[in-house]
Amino acid sequence: TCPEHLLVRFCGWLLALSPDLSYTSAAVLAEQLFLR
C-alpha cells in the first residue's frame, strides 16, 4: 500500500541489489508489491 512514487524508488533499489534476488524472493515481491 505504499505510495506509487516510492514503489518506483524501491524497485530501482531492488534492481541494484547484488547478487540478484532468488526466483522465490522475486515471486514473493511481485505478489506483495503489485498484485493487490
Full PDB file with SEQRES, HELIX, SHEET, SSBOND, CRYST1, ORIGX, SCALE, CONECT and MASTER records, all heavy atoms in Angstrom:
SEQRES   1 A   36  THR CYS PRO GLU HIS LEU LEU VAL ARG PHE CYS GLY TRP          
SEQRES   2 A   36  LEU LEU ALA LEU SER PRO ASP LEU SER TYR THR SER ALA          
SEQRES   3 A   36  ALA VAL LEU ALA GLU GLN LEU PHE LEU ARG                      
HELIX    1 AA1 GLU A    4  ALA A   16  1                                  13    
HELIX    2 AA2 TYR A   23  ALA A   30  1                                   8    
HELIX    3 AA3 GLU A   31  LEU A   35  3                                   5    
CRYST1    1.000    1.000    1.000  90.00  90.00  90.00 P 1           1          
ORIGX1      1.000000  0.000000  0.000000        0.00000                         
ORIGX2      0.000000  1.000000  0.000000        0.00000                         
ORIGX3      0.000000  0.000000  1.000000        0.00000                         
SCALE1      1.000000  0.000000  0.000000        0.00000                         
SCALE2      0.000000  1.000000  0.000000        0.00000                         
SCALE3      0.000000  0.000000  1.000000        0.00000                         
ATOM      1  N   THR A   1       0.813  -1.219   0.000  1.00  0.00           N  
ATOM      2  CA  THR A   1       0.000   0.000   0.000  1.00  0.00           C  
ATOM      3  C   THR A   1       0.849   1.274   0.000  1.00  0.00           C  
ATOM      4  O   THR A   1       0.302   2.371   0.129  1.00  0.00           O  
ATOM      5  CB  THR A   1      -0.935   0.035   1.226  1.00  0.00           C  
ATOM      6  OG1 THR A   1      -0.147  -0.078   2.421  1.00  0.00           O  
ATOM      7  CG2 THR A   1      -1.947  -1.096   1.171  1.00  0.00           C  
ATOM      8  N   CYS A   2       2.152   1.140  -0.165  1.00  0.00           N  
ATOM      9  CA  CYS A   2       2.994   2.341  -0.136  1.00  0.00           C  
ATOM     10  C   CYS A   2       2.684   3.225  -1.351  1.00  0.00           C  
ATOM     11  O   CYS A   2       2.203   2.737  -2.375  1.00  0.00           O  
ATOM     12  CB  CYS A   2       4.474   1.976  -0.091  1.00  0.00           C  
ATOM     13  SG  CYS A   2       5.167   1.418  -1.651  1.00  0.00           S  
ATOM     14  N   PRO A   3       2.920   4.541  -1.250  1.00  0.00           N  
ATOM     15  CA  PRO A   3       2.669   5.427  -2.393  1.00  0.00           C  
ATOM     16  C   PRO A   3       3.450   4.969  -3.626  1.00  0.00           C  
ATOM     17  O   PRO A   3       4.571   4.456  -3.518  1.00  0.00           O  
ATOM     18  CB  PRO A   3       3.175   6.785  -1.896  1.00  0.00           C  
ATOM     19  CG  PRO A   3       3.114   6.701  -0.406  1.00  0.00           C  
ATOM     20  CD  PRO A   3       3.405   5.261  -0.074  1.00  0.00           C  
ATOM     21  N   GLU A   4       2.847   5.149  -4.784  1.00  0.00           N  
ATOM     22  CA  GLU A   4       3.416   4.593  -6.006  1.00  0.00           C  
ATOM     23  C   GLU A   4       4.744   5.238  -6.396  1.00  0.00           C  
ATOM     24  O   GLU A   4       5.594   4.570  -6.981  1.00  0.00           O  
ATOM     25  CB  GLU A   4       2.395   4.670  -7.145  1.00  0.00           C  
ATOM     26  CG  GLU A   4       1.243   3.713  -6.902  1.00  0.00           C  
ATOM     27  CD  GLU A   4       0.156   3.767  -7.961  1.00  0.00           C  
ATOM     28  OE1 GLU A   4       0.243   4.611  -8.872  1.00  0.00           O  
ATOM     29  OE2 GLU A   4      -0.775   2.949  -7.867  1.00  0.00           O  
ATOM     30  N   HIS A   5       4.961   6.508  -6.062  1.00  0.00           N  
ATOM     31  CA  HIS A   5       6.253   7.117  -6.385  1.00  0.00           C  
ATOM     32  C   HIS A   5       7.372   6.485  -5.556  1.00  0.00           C  
ATOM     33  O   HIS A   5       8.505   6.371  -6.011  1.00  0.00           O  
ATOM     34  CB  HIS A   5       6.216   8.639  -6.200  1.00  0.00           C  
ATOM     35  CG  HIS A   5       6.117   9.096  -4.773  1.00  0.00           C  
ATOM     36  ND1 HIS A   5       4.925   9.102  -4.091  1.00  0.00           N  
ATOM     37  CD2 HIS A   5       7.076   9.542  -3.920  1.00  0.00           C  
ATOM     38  CE1 HIS A   5       5.141   9.545  -2.856  1.00  0.00           C  
ATOM     39  NE2 HIS A   5       6.424   9.816  -2.728  1.00  0.00           N  
ATOM     40  N   LEU A   6       7.033   6.005  -4.337  1.00  0.00           N  
ATOM     41  CA  LEU A   6       8.035   5.291  -3.523  1.00  0.00           C  
ATOM     42  C   LEU A   6       8.258   3.879  -4.062  1.00  0.00           C  
ATOM     43  O   LEU A   6       9.347   3.329  -3.943  1.00  0.00           O  
ATOM     44  CB  LEU A   6       7.596   5.243  -2.057  1.00  0.00           C  
ATOM     45  CG  LEU A   6       7.505   6.586  -1.347  1.00  0.00           C  
ATOM     46  CD1 LEU A   6       7.016   6.407   0.083  1.00  0.00           C  
ATOM     47  CD2 LEU A   6       8.848   7.309  -1.370  1.00  0.00           C  
ATOM     48  N   LEU A   7       7.212   3.326  -4.650  1.00  0.00           N  
ATOM     49  CA  LEU A   7       7.319   1.996  -5.256  1.00  0.00           C  
ATOM     50  C   LEU A   7       8.350   2.007  -6.383  1.00  0.00           C  
ATOM     51  O   LEU A   7       9.145   1.072  -6.516  1.00  0.00           O  
ATOM     52  CB  LEU A   7       5.950   1.568  -5.781  1.00  0.00           C  
ATOM     53  CG  LEU A   7       5.787   0.147  -6.281  1.00  0.00           C  
ATOM     54  CD1 LEU A   7       6.035  -0.857  -5.169  1.00  0.00           C  
ATOM     55  CD2 LEU A   7       4.386  -0.040  -6.849  1.00  0.00           C  
ATOM     56  N   VAL A   8       8.357   3.059  -7.175  1.00  0.00           N  
ATOM     57  CA  VAL A   8       9.341   3.193  -8.259  1.00  0.00           C  
ATOM     58  C   VAL A   8      10.755   3.210  -7.674  1.00  0.00           C  
ATOM     59  O   VAL A   8      11.654   2.519  -8.163  1.00  0.00           O  
ATOM     60  CB  VAL A   8       9.085   4.474  -9.081  1.00  0.00           C  
ATOM     61  CG1 VAL A   8      10.161   4.654 -10.135  1.00  0.00           C  
ATOM     62  CG2 VAL A   8       7.712   4.428  -9.733  1.00  0.00           C  
ATOM     63  N   ARG A   9      10.962   3.978  -6.619  1.00  0.00           N  
ATOM     64  CA  ARG A   9      12.286   4.059  -5.996  1.00  0.00           C  
ATOM     65  C   ARG A   9      12.691   2.720  -5.386  1.00  0.00           C  
ATOM     66  O   ARG A   9      13.844   2.306  -5.490  1.00  0.00           O  
ATOM     67  CB  ARG A   9      12.292   5.163  -4.932  1.00  0.00           C  
ATOM     68  CG  ARG A   9      12.201   6.554  -5.554  1.00  0.00           C  
ATOM     69  CD  ARG A   9      12.000   7.646  -4.548  1.00  0.00           C  
ATOM     70  NE  ARG A   9      13.042   7.691  -3.550  1.00  0.00           N  
ATOM     71  CZ  ARG A   9      13.002   8.464  -2.467  1.00  0.00           C  
ATOM     72  NH1 ARG A   9      11.967   9.254  -2.263  1.00  0.00           N  
ATOM     73  NH2 ARG A   9      13.996   8.446  -1.602  1.00  0.00           N  
ATOM     74  N   PHE A  10      11.731   2.033  -4.765  1.00  0.00           N  
ATOM     75  CA  PHE A  10      12.020   0.737  -4.163  1.00  0.00           C  
ATOM     76  C   PHE A  10      12.436  -0.272  -5.237  1.00  0.00           C  
ATOM     77  O   PHE A  10      13.382  -1.029  -5.054  1.00  0.00           O  
ATOM     78  CB  PHE A  10      10.797   0.228  -3.391  1.00  0.00           C  
ATOM     79  CG  PHE A  10      11.043  -1.050  -2.644  1.00  0.00           C  
ATOM     80  CD1 PHE A  10      11.809  -1.060  -1.484  1.00  0.00           C  
ATOM     81  CD2 PHE A  10      10.531  -2.242  -3.114  1.00  0.00           C  
ATOM     82  CE1 PHE A  10      12.051  -2.245  -0.802  1.00  0.00           C  
ATOM     83  CE2 PHE A  10      10.770  -3.432  -2.441  1.00  0.00           C  
ATOM     84  CZ  PHE A  10      11.530  -3.432  -1.277  1.00  0.00           C  
ATOM     85  N   CYS A  11      11.729  -0.265  -6.370  1.00  0.00           N  
ATOM     86  CA  CYS A  11      12.082  -1.183  -7.459  1.00  0.00           C  
ATOM     87  C   CYS A  11      13.465  -0.855  -8.012  1.00  0.00           C  
ATOM     88  O   CYS A  11      14.232  -1.760  -8.348  1.00  0.00           O  
ATOM     89  CB  CYS A  11      11.033  -1.133  -8.563  1.00  0.00           C  
ATOM     90  SG  CYS A  11       9.483  -1.940  -8.104  1.00  0.00           S  
ATOM     91  N   GLY A  12      13.810   0.425  -8.104  1.00  0.00           N  
ATOM     92  CA  GLY A  12      15.151   0.811  -8.536  1.00  0.00           C  
ATOM     93  C   GLY A  12      16.215   0.274  -7.586  1.00  0.00           C  
ATOM     94  O   GLY A  12      17.263  -0.211  -8.021  1.00  0.00           O  
ATOM     95  N   TRP A  13      15.908   0.315  -6.313  1.00  0.00           N  
ATOM     96  CA  TRP A  13      16.832  -0.230  -5.310  1.00  0.00           C  
ATOM     97  C   TRP A  13      16.960  -1.747  -5.456  1.00  0.00           C  
ATOM     98  O   TRP A  13      18.057  -2.298  -5.368  1.00  0.00           O  
ATOM     99  CB  TRP A  13      16.321   0.155  -3.915  1.00  0.00           C  
ATOM    100  CG  TRP A  13      17.115  -0.415  -2.795  1.00  0.00           C  
ATOM    101  CD1 TRP A  13      18.325   0.013  -2.319  1.00  0.00           C  
ATOM    102  CD2 TRP A  13      16.758  -1.556  -2.008  1.00  0.00           C  
ATOM    103  NE1 TRP A  13      18.738  -0.788  -1.281  1.00  0.00           N  
ATOM    104  CE2 TRP A  13      17.789  -1.761  -1.065  1.00  0.00           C  
ATOM    105  CE3 TRP A  13      15.666  -2.424  -2.000  1.00  0.00           C  
ATOM    106  CZ2 TRP A  13      17.773  -2.790  -0.129  1.00  0.00           C  
ATOM    107  CZ3 TRP A  13      15.644  -3.454  -1.071  1.00  0.00           C  
ATOM    108  CH2 TRP A  13      16.691  -3.627  -0.155  1.00  0.00           C  
ATOM    109  N   LEU A  14      15.819  -2.432  -5.706  1.00  0.00           N  
ATOM    110  CA  LEU A  14      15.856  -3.888  -5.896  1.00  0.00           C  
ATOM    111  C   LEU A  14      16.742  -4.273  -7.080  1.00  0.00           C  
ATOM    112  O   LEU A  14      17.491  -5.250  -7.018  1.00  0.00           O  
ATOM    113  CB  LEU A  14      14.443  -4.436  -6.133  1.00  0.00           C  
ATOM    114  CG  LEU A  14      13.511  -4.538  -4.945  1.00  0.00           C  
ATOM    115  CD1 LEU A  14      12.136  -5.017  -5.402  1.00  0.00           C  
ATOM    116  CD2 LEU A  14      14.072  -5.453  -3.877  1.00  0.00           C  
ATOM    117  N   LEU A  15      16.641  -3.510  -8.176  1.00  0.00           N  
ATOM    118  CA  LEU A  15      17.414  -3.834  -9.370  1.00  0.00           C  
ATOM    119  C   LEU A  15      18.907  -3.662  -9.134  1.00  0.00           C  
ATOM    120  O   LEU A  15      19.716  -4.303  -9.803  1.00  0.00           O  
ATOM    121  CB  LEU A  15      16.976  -2.961 -10.548  1.00  0.00           C  
ATOM    122  CG  LEU A  15      15.549  -3.155 -11.047  1.00  0.00           C  
ATOM    123  CD1 LEU A  15      15.324  -2.349 -12.308  1.00  0.00           C  
ATOM    124  CD2 LEU A  15      15.236  -4.615 -11.305  1.00  0.00           C  
ATOM    125  N   ALA A  16      19.262  -2.806  -8.196  1.00  0.00           N  
ATOM    126  CA  ALA A  16      20.679  -2.554  -7.928  1.00  0.00           C  
ATOM    127  C   ALA A  16      21.291  -3.582  -6.981  1.00  0.00           C  
ATOM    128  O   ALA A  16      22.520  -3.599  -6.797  1.00  0.00           O  
ATOM    129  CB  ALA A  16      20.842  -1.155  -7.348  1.00  0.00           C  
ATOM    130  N   LEU A  17      20.464  -4.433  -6.374  1.00  0.00           N  
ATOM    131  CA  LEU A  17      20.982  -5.421  -5.426  1.00  0.00           C  
ATOM    132  C   LEU A  17      21.936  -6.388  -6.116  1.00  0.00           C  
ATOM    133  O   LEU A  17      21.733  -6.771  -7.263  1.00  0.00           O  
ATOM    134  CB  LEU A  17      19.838  -6.228  -4.806  1.00  0.00           C  
ATOM    135  CG  LEU A  17      18.976  -5.539  -3.762  1.00  0.00           C  
ATOM    136  CD1 LEU A  17      17.857  -6.472  -3.321  1.00  0.00           C  
ATOM    137  CD2 LEU A  17      19.809  -5.111  -2.559  1.00  0.00           C  
ATOM    138  N   SER A  18      22.962  -6.763  -5.388  1.00  0.00           N  
ATOM    139  CA  SER A  18      23.890  -7.773  -5.891  1.00  0.00           C  
ATOM    140  C   SER A  18      24.228  -8.715  -4.740  1.00  0.00           C  
ATOM    141  O   SER A  18      24.597  -8.258  -3.668  1.00  0.00           O  
ATOM    142  CB  SER A  18      25.162  -7.101  -6.412  1.00  0.00           C  
ATOM    143  OG  SER A  18      26.026  -8.067  -6.948  1.00  0.00           O  
ATOM    144  N   PRO A  19      24.078 -10.021  -4.901  1.00  0.00           N  
ATOM    145  CA  PRO A  19      23.606 -10.712  -6.108  1.00  0.00           C  
ATOM    146  C   PRO A  19      22.104 -10.486  -6.326  1.00  0.00           C  
ATOM    147  O   PRO A  19      21.426  -9.948  -5.466  1.00  0.00           O  
ATOM    148  CB  PRO A  19      23.910 -12.176  -5.802  1.00  0.00           C  
ATOM    149  CG  PRO A  19      23.835 -12.268  -4.308  1.00  0.00           C  
ATOM    150  CD  PRO A  19      24.364 -10.951  -3.799  1.00  0.00           C  
ATOM    151  N   ASP A  20      21.629 -10.946  -7.491  1.00  0.00           N  
ATOM    152  CA  ASP A  20      20.212 -10.817  -7.810  1.00  0.00           C  
ATOM    153  C   ASP A  20      19.362 -11.589  -6.801  1.00  0.00           C  
ATOM    154  O   ASP A  20      19.831 -12.534  -6.161  1.00  0.00           O  
ATOM    155  CB  ASP A  20      19.928 -11.375  -9.209  1.00  0.00           C  
ATOM    156  CG  ASP A  20      20.561 -10.530 -10.303  1.00  0.00           C  
ATOM    157  OD1 ASP A  20      21.027  -9.411 -10.003  1.00  0.00           O  
ATOM    158  OD2 ASP A  20      20.569 -11.000 -11.463  1.00  0.00           O  
ATOM    159  N   LEU A  21      18.115 -11.195  -6.708  1.00  0.00           N  
ATOM    160  CA  LEU A  21      17.162 -11.919  -5.875  1.00  0.00           C  
ATOM    161  C   LEU A  21      16.977 -13.336  -6.412  1.00  0.00           C  
ATOM    162  O   LEU A  21      17.077 -13.568  -7.621  1.00  0.00           O  
ATOM    163  CB  LEU A  21      15.807 -11.221  -5.886  1.00  0.00           C  
ATOM    164  CG  LEU A  21      15.729  -9.824  -5.282  1.00  0.00           C  
ATOM    165  CD1 LEU A  21      14.376  -9.198  -5.609  1.00  0.00           C  
ATOM    166  CD2 LEU A  21      15.939  -9.873  -3.783  1.00  0.00           C  
ATOM    167  N   SER A  22      16.670 -14.253  -5.509  1.00  0.00           N  
ATOM    168  CA  SER A  22      16.331 -15.601  -5.955  1.00  0.00           C  
ATOM    169  C   SER A  22      14.966 -15.554  -6.643  1.00  0.00           C  
ATOM    170  O   SER A  22      14.192 -14.596  -6.468  1.00  0.00           O  
ATOM    171  CB  SER A  22      16.266 -16.554  -4.759  1.00  0.00           C  
ATOM    172  OG  SER A  22      15.138 -16.239  -3.945  1.00  0.00           O  
ATOM    173  N   TYR A  23      14.666 -16.588  -7.401  1.00  0.00           N  
ATOM    174  CA  TYR A  23      13.371 -16.683  -8.076  1.00  0.00           C  
ATOM    175  C   TYR A  23      12.236 -16.573  -7.059  1.00  0.00           C  
ATOM    176  O   TYR A  23      11.276 -15.820  -7.252  1.00  0.00           O  
ATOM    177  CB  TYR A  23      13.281 -18.018  -8.830  1.00  0.00           C  
ATOM    178  CG  TYR A  23      11.989 -18.203  -9.583  1.00  0.00           C  
ATOM    179  CD1 TYR A  23      11.902 -17.889 -10.924  1.00  0.00           C  
ATOM    180  CD2 TYR A  23      10.852 -18.681  -8.938  1.00  0.00           C  
ATOM    181  CE1 TYR A  23      10.708 -18.050 -11.622  1.00  0.00           C  
ATOM    182  CE2 TYR A  23       9.662 -18.838  -9.618  1.00  0.00           C  
ATOM    183  CZ  TYR A  23       9.594 -18.526 -10.965  1.00  0.00           C  
ATOM    184  OH  TYR A  23       8.402 -18.677 -11.636  1.00  0.00           O  
ATOM    185  N   THR A  24      12.360 -17.313  -5.946  1.00  0.00           N  
ATOM    186  CA  THR A  24      11.308 -17.330  -4.932  1.00  0.00           C  
ATOM    187  C   THR A  24      11.122 -15.962  -4.295  1.00  0.00           C  
ATOM    188  O   THR A  24       9.998 -15.498  -4.117  1.00  0.00           O  
ATOM    189  CB  THR A  24      11.632 -18.381  -3.846  1.00  0.00           C  
ATOM    190  OG1 THR A  24      11.795 -19.651  -4.477  1.00  0.00           O  
ATOM    191  CG2 THR A  24      10.530 -18.476  -2.815  1.00  0.00           C  
ATOM    192  N   SER A  25      12.213 -15.295  -3.973  1.00  0.00           N  
ATOM    193  CA  SER A  25      12.121 -13.952  -3.378  1.00  0.00           C  
ATOM    194  C   SER A  25      11.481 -12.970  -4.353  1.00  0.00           C  
ATOM    195  O   SER A  25      10.643 -12.147  -3.966  1.00  0.00           O  
ATOM    196  CB  SER A  25      13.508 -13.447  -2.964  1.00  0.00           C  
ATOM    197  OG  SER A  25      14.038 -14.240  -1.933  1.00  0.00           O  
ATOM    198  N   ALA A  26      11.872 -13.055  -5.614  1.00  0.00           N  
ATOM    199  CA  ALA A  26      11.290 -12.164  -6.624  1.00  0.00           C  
ATOM    200  C   ALA A  26       9.792 -12.435  -6.782  1.00  0.00           C  
ATOM    201  O   ALA A  26       9.005 -11.499  -6.953  1.00  0.00           O  
ATOM    202  CB  ALA A  26      12.012 -12.335  -7.961  1.00  0.00           C  
ATOM    203  N   ALA A  27       9.391 -13.709  -6.714  1.00  0.00           N  
ATOM    204  CA  ALA A  27       7.974 -14.048  -6.824  1.00  0.00           C  
ATOM    205  C   ALA A  27       7.182 -13.480  -5.641  1.00  0.00           C  
ATOM    206  O   ALA A  27       6.091 -12.934  -5.816  1.00  0.00           O  
ATOM    207  CB  ALA A  27       7.795 -15.562  -6.907  1.00  0.00           C  
ATOM    208  N   VAL A  28       7.738 -13.600  -4.444  1.00  0.00           N  
ATOM    209  CA  VAL A  28       7.076 -13.047  -3.257  1.00  0.00           C  
ATOM    210  C   VAL A  28       6.934 -11.532  -3.400  1.00  0.00           C  
ATOM    211  O   VAL A  28       5.876 -10.956  -3.135  1.00  0.00           O  
ATOM    212  CB  VAL A  28       7.858 -13.401  -1.965  1.00  0.00           C  
ATOM    213  CG1 VAL A  28       7.345 -12.601  -0.777  1.00  0.00           C  
ATOM    214  CG2 VAL A  28       7.774 -14.893  -1.682  1.00  0.00           C  
ATOM    215  N   LEU A  29       8.004 -10.877  -3.850  1.00  0.00           N  
ATOM    216  CA  LEU A  29       7.955  -9.426  -4.001  1.00  0.00           C  
ATOM    217  C   LEU A  29       6.985  -8.996  -5.105  1.00  0.00           C  
ATOM    218  O   LEU A  29       6.288  -7.995  -4.960  1.00  0.00           O  
ATOM    219  CB  LEU A  29       9.357  -8.873  -4.261  1.00  0.00           C  
ATOM    220  CG  LEU A  29      10.253  -8.832  -3.023  1.00  0.00           C  
ATOM    221  CD1 LEU A  29      11.691  -8.535  -3.403  1.00  0.00           C  
ATOM    222  CD2 LEU A  29       9.751  -7.803  -2.017  1.00  0.00           C  
ATOM    223  N   ALA A  30       6.927  -9.756  -6.191  1.00  0.00           N  
ATOM    224  CA  ALA A  30       5.970  -9.438  -7.257  1.00  0.00           C  
ATOM    225  C   ALA A  30       4.545  -9.455  -6.707  1.00  0.00           C  
ATOM    226  O   ALA A  30       3.737  -8.565  -7.003  1.00  0.00           O  
ATOM    227  CB  ALA A  30       6.111 -10.425  -8.413  1.00  0.00           C  
ATOM    228  N   GLU A  31       4.277 -10.461  -5.891  1.00  0.00           N  
ATOM    229  CA  GLU A  31       2.941 -10.559  -5.290  1.00  0.00           C  
ATOM    230  C   GLU A  31       2.698  -9.422  -4.304  1.00  0.00           C  
ATOM    231  O   GLU A  31       1.667  -8.742  -4.354  1.00  0.00           O  
ATOM    232  CB  GLU A  31       2.780 -11.903  -4.590  1.00  0.00           C  
ATOM    233  CG  GLU A  31       1.428 -12.071  -3.933  1.00  0.00           C  
ATOM    234  CD  GLU A  31       1.262 -13.411  -3.250  1.00  0.00           C  
ATOM    235  OE1 GLU A  31       2.144 -14.275  -3.385  1.00  0.00           O  
ATOM    236  OE2 GLU A  31       0.241 -13.588  -2.574  1.00  0.00           O  
ATOM    237  N   GLN A  32       3.646  -9.193  -3.413  1.00  0.00           N  
ATOM    238  CA  GLN A  32       3.470  -8.198  -2.359  1.00  0.00           C  
ATOM    239  C   GLN A  32       3.415  -6.769  -2.907  1.00  0.00           C  
ATOM    240  O   GLN A  32       2.660  -5.935  -2.421  1.00  0.00           O  
ATOM    241  CB  GLN A  32       4.603  -8.310  -1.336  1.00  0.00           C  
ATOM    242  CG  GLN A  32       4.623  -9.613  -0.562  1.00  0.00           C  
ATOM    243  CD  GLN A  32       3.455  -9.736   0.402  1.00  0.00           C  
ATOM    244  OE1 GLN A  32       3.061  -8.775   1.035  1.00  0.00           O  
ATOM    245  NE2 GLN A  32       2.888 -10.928   0.494  1.00  0.00           N  
ATOM    246  N   LEU A  33       4.241  -6.473  -3.895  1.00  0.00           N  
ATOM    247  CA  LEU A  33       4.324  -5.114  -4.421  1.00  0.00           C  
ATOM    248  C   LEU A  33       3.181  -4.761  -5.369  1.00  0.00           C  
ATOM    249  O   LEU A  33       2.719  -3.622  -5.384  1.00  0.00           O  
ATOM    250  CB  LEU A  33       5.651  -4.911  -5.165  1.00  0.00           C  
ATOM    251  CG  LEU A  33       6.930  -4.955  -4.340  1.00  0.00           C  
ATOM    252  CD1 LEU A  33       8.148  -4.926  -5.250  1.00  0.00           C  
ATOM    253  CD2 LEU A  33       6.984  -3.803  -3.355  1.00  0.00           C  
ATOM    254  N   PHE A  34       2.749  -5.749  -6.173  1.00  0.00           N  
ATOM    255  CA  PHE A  34       1.898  -5.394  -7.301  1.00  0.00           C  
ATOM    256  C   PHE A  34       0.524  -6.048  -7.359  1.00  0.00           C  
ATOM    257  O   PHE A  34      -0.386  -5.474  -7.961  1.00  0.00           O  
ATOM    258  CB  PHE A  34       2.628  -5.718  -8.613  1.00  0.00           C  
ATOM    259  CG  PHE A  34       3.936  -5.012  -8.770  1.00  0.00           C  
ATOM    260  CD1 PHE A  34       5.123  -5.719  -8.807  1.00  0.00           C  
ATOM    261  CD2 PHE A  34       3.989  -3.622  -8.877  1.00  0.00           C  
ATOM    262  CE1 PHE A  34       6.340  -5.069  -8.957  1.00  0.00           C  
ATOM    263  CE2 PHE A  34       5.198  -2.964  -9.022  1.00  0.00           C  
ATOM    264  CZ  PHE A  34       6.374  -3.691  -9.068  1.00  0.00           C  
ATOM    265  N   LEU A  35       0.370  -7.234  -6.810  1.00  0.00           N  
ATOM    266  CA  LEU A  35      -0.846  -7.994  -7.089  1.00  0.00           C  
ATOM    267  C   LEU A  35      -2.111  -7.249  -6.664  1.00  0.00           C  
ATOM    268  O   LEU A  35      -3.046  -7.090  -7.453  1.00  0.00           O  
ATOM    269  CB  LEU A  35      -0.787  -9.380  -6.440  1.00  0.00           C  
ATOM    270  CG  LEU A  35      -1.899 -10.342  -6.842  1.00  0.00           C  
ATOM    271  CD1 LEU A  35      -1.922 -10.540  -8.355  1.00  0.00           C  
ATOM    272  CD2 LEU A  35      -1.739 -11.682  -6.149  1.00  0.00           C  
ATOM    273  N   ARG A  36      -2.156  -6.784  -5.440  1.00  0.00           N  
ATOM    274  CA  ARG A  36      -3.349  -6.091  -4.958  1.00  0.00           C  
ATOM    275  C   ARG A  36      -3.620  -4.835  -5.792  1.00  0.00           C  
ATOM    276  O   ARG A  36      -4.753  -4.540  -6.152  1.00  0.00           O  
ATOM    277  CB  ARG A  36      -3.193  -5.704  -3.483  1.00  0.00           C  
ATOM    278  CG  ARG A  36      -4.442  -5.023  -2.920  1.00  0.00           C  
ATOM    279  CD  ARG A  36      -4.222  -4.468  -1.540  1.00  0.00           C  
ATOM    280  NE  ARG A  36      -3.889  -5.499  -0.575  1.00  0.00           N  
ATOM    281  CZ  ARG A  36      -3.602  -5.249   0.688  1.00  0.00           C  
ATOM    282  NH1 ARG A  36      -3.589  -3.996   1.142  1.00  0.00           N  
ATOM    283  NH2 ARG A  36      -3.317  -6.223   1.529  1.00  0.00           N  
TER     284      ARG A  36                                                      
MASTER        0    0    0    3    0    0    0    6  283    1    0    3          
END                                                                             
